[in-house]
Amino acid sequence: MQYTLRNIPEALDEALRQRARAEKKSLNRIVIEALARALGLSGRTLRQRDLSDLAGSWKEDTAFDRAIADQDRVDEELWK
């Protein structure tokens, strides 16, 4: 199957070309691999890079709160 893509943003074009050079692969191969990864067809699972597994897991800790409060204190002598 053959595709023709138009209006590729410059930043995307540069990133693809840099990856192709770095991996010593053709631009065509890099684009196909990127599309396959993005669509979950590469056989590799993508690592999730957000913090959703931590959302809502905060536990109150008074010692931590005291340590943070100490950092918020301004030393007036340093500001003279």
N, C-alpha and C. Protein backbone atom coordinates (compact mmCIF):
# COMPACT_ATOMS: atom_id res chain seq x y z
N MET A 1 0.85 -1.17 0.00
CA MET A 1 0.00 0.00 0.00
C MET A 1 0.90 1.23 0.00
N GLN A 2 0.49 2.24 -0.69
CA GLN A 2 1.29 3.47 -0.78
C GLN A 2 0.43 4.66 -0.40
N TYR A 3 1.01 5.59 0.36
CA TYR A 3 0.34 6.81 0.79
C TYR A 3 1.16 8.01 0.37
N THR A 4 0.47 9.13 0.18
CA THR A 4 1.13 10.41 -0.02
C THR A 4 0.64 11.33 1.09
N LEU A 5 1.56 11.86 1.85
CA LEU A 5 1.20 12.76 2.95
C LEU A 5 1.59 14.19 2.58
N ARG A 6 0.74 15.13 2.92
CA ARG A 6 1.01 16.54 2.65
C ARG A 6 0.94 17.33 3.95
N ASN A 7 1.52 18.51 3.92
CA ASN A 7 1.45 19.46 5.05
C ASN A 7 2.02 18.88 6.34
N ILE A 8 3.12 18.18 6.24
CA ILE A 8 3.81 17.67 7.42
C ILE A 8 4.45 18.87 8.14
N PRO A 9 4.13 19.08 9.40
CA PRO A 9 4.73 20.20 10.13
C PRO A 9 6.27 20.07 10.15
N GLU A 10 6.95 21.21 10.09
CA GLU A 10 8.42 21.21 10.05
C GLU A 10 9.03 20.48 11.23
N ALA A 11 8.48 20.70 12.43
CA ALA A 11 9.04 20.06 13.62
C ALA A 11 8.92 18.54 13.53
N LEU A 12 7.80 18.06 13.02
CA LEU A 12 7.62 16.62 12.86
C LEU A 12 8.57 16.07 11.80
N ASP A 13 8.70 16.78 10.69
CA ASP A 13 9.62 16.36 9.64
C ASP A 13 11.05 16.25 10.18
N GLU A 14 11.47 17.25 10.91
CA GLU A 14 12.84 17.26 11.46
C GLU A 14 13.04 16.12 12.45
N ALA A 15 12.04 15.89 13.33
CA ALA A 15 12.16 14.82 14.31
C ALA A 15 12.24 13.46 13.62
N LEU A 16 11.44 13.25 12.60
CA LEU A 16 11.48 11.98 11.86
C LEU A 16 12.82 11.79 11.16
N ARG A 17 13.31 12.85 10.54
CA ARG A 17 14.59 12.76 9.83
C ARG A 17 15.75 12.52 10.80
N GLN A 18 15.71 13.17 11.96
CA GLN A 18 16.76 12.95 12.96
C GLN A 18 16.74 11.50 13.45
N ARG A 19 15.55 10.97 13.68
CA ARG A 19 15.44 9.58 14.14
C ARG A 19 15.97 8.64 13.06
N ALA A 20 15.63 8.92 11.80
CA ALA A 20 16.10 8.07 10.71
C ALA A 20 17.63 8.06 10.65
N ARG A 21 18.23 9.24 10.79
CA ARG A 21 19.69 9.32 10.78
C ARG A 21 20.29 8.57 11.97
N ALA A 22 19.71 8.81 13.15
CA ALA A 22 20.25 8.20 14.37
C ALA A 22 20.16 6.67 14.33
N GLU A 23 19.07 6.15 13.78
CA GLU A 23 18.88 4.70 13.74
C GLU A 23 19.37 4.07 12.44
N LYS A 24 19.92 4.94 11.56
CA LYS A 24 20.43 4.47 10.26
C LYS A 24 19.37 3.66 9.52
N LYS A 25 18.17 4.25 9.46
CA LYS A 25 17.04 3.63 8.75
C LYS A 25 16.49 4.64 7.76
N SER A 26 15.71 4.15 6.82
CA SER A 26 15.10 5.06 5.85
C SER A 26 13.99 5.86 6.53
N LEU A 27 13.73 7.02 5.97
CA LEU A 27 12.64 7.85 6.48
C LEU A 27 11.33 7.08 6.39
N ASN A 28 11.13 6.37 5.31
CA ASN A 28 9.93 5.56 5.13
C ASN A 28 9.76 4.56 6.27
N ARG A 29 10.83 3.84 6.61
CA ARG A 29 10.78 2.84 7.68
C ARG A 29 10.45 3.49 9.02
N ILE A 30 11.05 4.64 9.30
CA ILE A 30 10.81 5.34 10.56
C ILE A 30 9.35 5.79 10.67
N VAL A 31 8.80 6.31 9.58
CA VAL A 31 7.40 6.76 9.59
C VAL A 31 6.47 5.58 9.81
N ILE A 32 6.72 4.47 9.14
CA ILE A 32 5.88 3.29 9.32
C ILE A 32 5.95 2.79 10.77
N GLU A 33 7.15 2.75 11.34
CA GLU A 33 7.30 2.31 12.73
C GLU A 33 6.58 3.26 13.69
N ALA A 34 6.68 4.55 13.43
CA ALA A 34 6.02 5.53 14.30
C ALA A 34 4.50 5.39 14.23
N LEU A 35 3.98 5.20 13.05
CA LEU A 35 2.54 5.00 12.90
C LEU A 35 2.08 3.72 13.59
N ALA A 36 2.83 2.65 13.41
CA ALA A 36 2.48 1.39 14.04
C ALA A 36 2.49 1.51 15.56
N ARG A 37 3.53 2.18 16.12
CA ARG A 37 3.59 2.37 17.57
C ARG A 37 2.41 3.20 18.05
N ALA A 38 2.12 4.28 17.34
CA ALA A 38 1.04 5.18 17.76
C ALA A 38 -0.32 4.49 17.75
N LEU A 39 -0.49 3.52 16.89
CA LEU A 39 -1.76 2.81 16.79
C LEU A 39 -1.77 1.50 17.56
N GLY A 40 -0.69 1.24 18.30
CA GLY A 40 -0.63 0.04 19.12
C GLY A 40 -0.43 -1.23 18.31
N LEU A 41 0.17 -1.11 17.14
CA LEU A 41 0.35 -2.26 16.26
C LEU A 41 1.79 -2.76 16.20
N SER A 42 2.65 -2.22 17.03
CA SER A 42 4.06 -2.57 16.93
C SER A 42 4.42 -3.82 17.73
N GLY A 43 3.50 -4.29 18.55
CA GLY A 43 3.82 -5.44 19.39
C GLY A 43 4.52 -5.05 20.67
N ARG A 44 4.97 -3.80 20.75
CA ARG A 44 5.60 -3.30 21.97
C ARG A 44 4.59 -2.45 22.71
N THR A 45 4.55 -2.59 24.01
CA THR A 45 3.67 -1.73 24.78
C THR A 45 4.39 -0.43 25.07
N LEU A 46 3.68 0.65 24.92
CA LEU A 46 4.26 1.96 25.20
C LEU A 46 4.17 2.25 26.69
N ARG A 47 5.26 2.77 27.22
CA ARG A 47 5.23 3.18 28.61
C ARG A 47 4.40 4.43 28.75
N GLN A 48 3.51 4.41 29.70
CA GLN A 48 2.70 5.59 29.95
C GLN A 48 3.56 6.60 30.69
N ARG A 49 3.57 7.83 30.21
CA ARG A 49 4.49 8.81 30.78
C ARG A 49 3.78 9.88 31.59
N ASP A 50 2.53 9.64 31.92
CA ASP A 50 1.86 10.61 32.77
C ASP A 50 1.87 10.09 34.21
N LEU A 51 1.23 10.78 35.07
CA LEU A 51 1.24 10.40 36.49
C LEU A 51 -0.13 9.93 36.95
N SER A 52 -0.93 9.39 36.01
CA SER A 52 -2.29 9.00 36.35
C SER A 52 -2.33 7.91 37.42
N ASP A 53 -1.30 7.09 37.51
CA ASP A 53 -1.29 6.05 38.54
C ASP A 53 -1.09 6.63 39.94
N LEU A 54 -0.64 7.88 40.01
CA LEU A 54 -0.44 8.53 41.31
C LEU A 54 -1.60 9.45 41.69
N ALA A 55 -2.41 9.81 40.72
CA ALA A 55 -3.51 10.75 40.97
C ALA A 55 -4.44 10.18 42.04
N GLY A 56 -4.74 11.02 43.01
CA GLY A 56 -5.66 10.62 44.07
C GLY A 56 -5.03 9.76 45.15
N SER A 57 -3.72 9.60 45.13
CA SER A 57 -3.08 8.72 46.11
C SER A 57 -2.43 9.48 47.26
N TRP A 58 -2.60 10.80 47.32
CA TRP A 58 -1.96 11.61 48.36
C TRP A 58 -2.47 11.23 49.74
N LYS A 59 -1.55 11.10 50.66
CA LYS A 59 -1.90 10.82 52.05
C LYS A 59 -1.38 11.98 52.89
N GLU A 60 -2.19 12.41 53.84
CA GLU A 60 -1.79 13.50 54.73
C GLU A 60 -0.59 13.05 55.56
N ASP A 61 0.40 13.93 55.70
CA ASP A 61 1.61 13.63 56.46
C ASP A 61 2.05 14.92 57.13
N THR A 62 1.85 15.01 58.43
CA THR A 62 2.16 16.25 59.14
C THR A 62 3.65 16.58 59.12
N ALA A 63 4.51 15.57 59.14
CA ALA A 63 5.95 15.82 59.09
C ALA A 63 6.32 16.45 57.75
N PHE A 64 5.74 15.97 56.68
CA PHE A 64 5.98 16.54 55.36
C PHE A 64 5.48 17.98 55.32
N ASP A 65 4.28 18.21 55.84
CA ASP A 65 3.72 19.56 55.85
C ASP A 65 4.61 20.53 56.61
N ARG A 66 5.20 20.10 57.73
CA ARG A 66 6.11 20.95 58.50
C ARG A 66 7.37 21.26 57.68
N ALA A 67 7.90 20.25 57.00
CA ALA A 67 9.11 20.45 56.19
C ALA A 67 8.85 21.44 55.07
N ILE A 68 7.72 21.35 54.44
CA ILE A 68 7.36 22.28 53.36
C ILE A 68 7.15 23.67 53.93
N ALA A 69 6.51 23.77 55.08
CA ALA A 69 6.29 25.07 55.71
C ALA A 69 7.62 25.75 56.02
N ASP A 70 8.62 24.99 56.45
CA ASP A 70 9.94 25.55 56.72
C ASP A 70 10.54 26.16 55.46
N GLN A 71 10.29 25.56 54.31
CA GLN A 71 10.82 26.09 53.05
C GLN A 71 10.12 27.37 52.62
N ASP A 72 8.90 27.57 53.08
CA ASP A 72 8.14 28.76 52.71
C ASP A 72 8.49 29.98 53.56
N ARG A 73 9.23 29.78 54.64
CA ARG A 73 9.59 30.88 55.52
C ARG A 73 10.66 31.75 54.87
N VAL A 74 10.47 33.06 54.92
CA VAL A 74 11.44 34.00 54.35
C VAL A 74 12.36 34.48 55.46
N ASP A 75 13.66 34.41 55.21
CA ASP A 75 14.65 34.93 56.15
C ASP A 75 14.84 36.40 55.83
N GLU A 76 14.27 37.25 56.66
CA GLU A 76 14.31 38.70 56.42
C GLU A 76 15.73 39.24 56.34
N GLU A 77 16.67 38.62 57.07
CA GLU A 77 18.05 39.07 57.05
C GLU A 77 18.69 38.94 55.68
N LEU A 78 18.27 37.94 54.92
CA LEU A 78 18.83 37.72 53.58
C LEU A 78 18.32 38.75 52.58
N TRP A 79 17.23 39.43 52.89
CA TRP A 79 16.59 40.35 51.95
C TRP A 79 16.89 41.81 52.26
N LYS A 80 17.88 42.05 53.11
CA LYS A 80 18.22 43.45 53.43
C LYS A 80 19.27 43.95 52.50
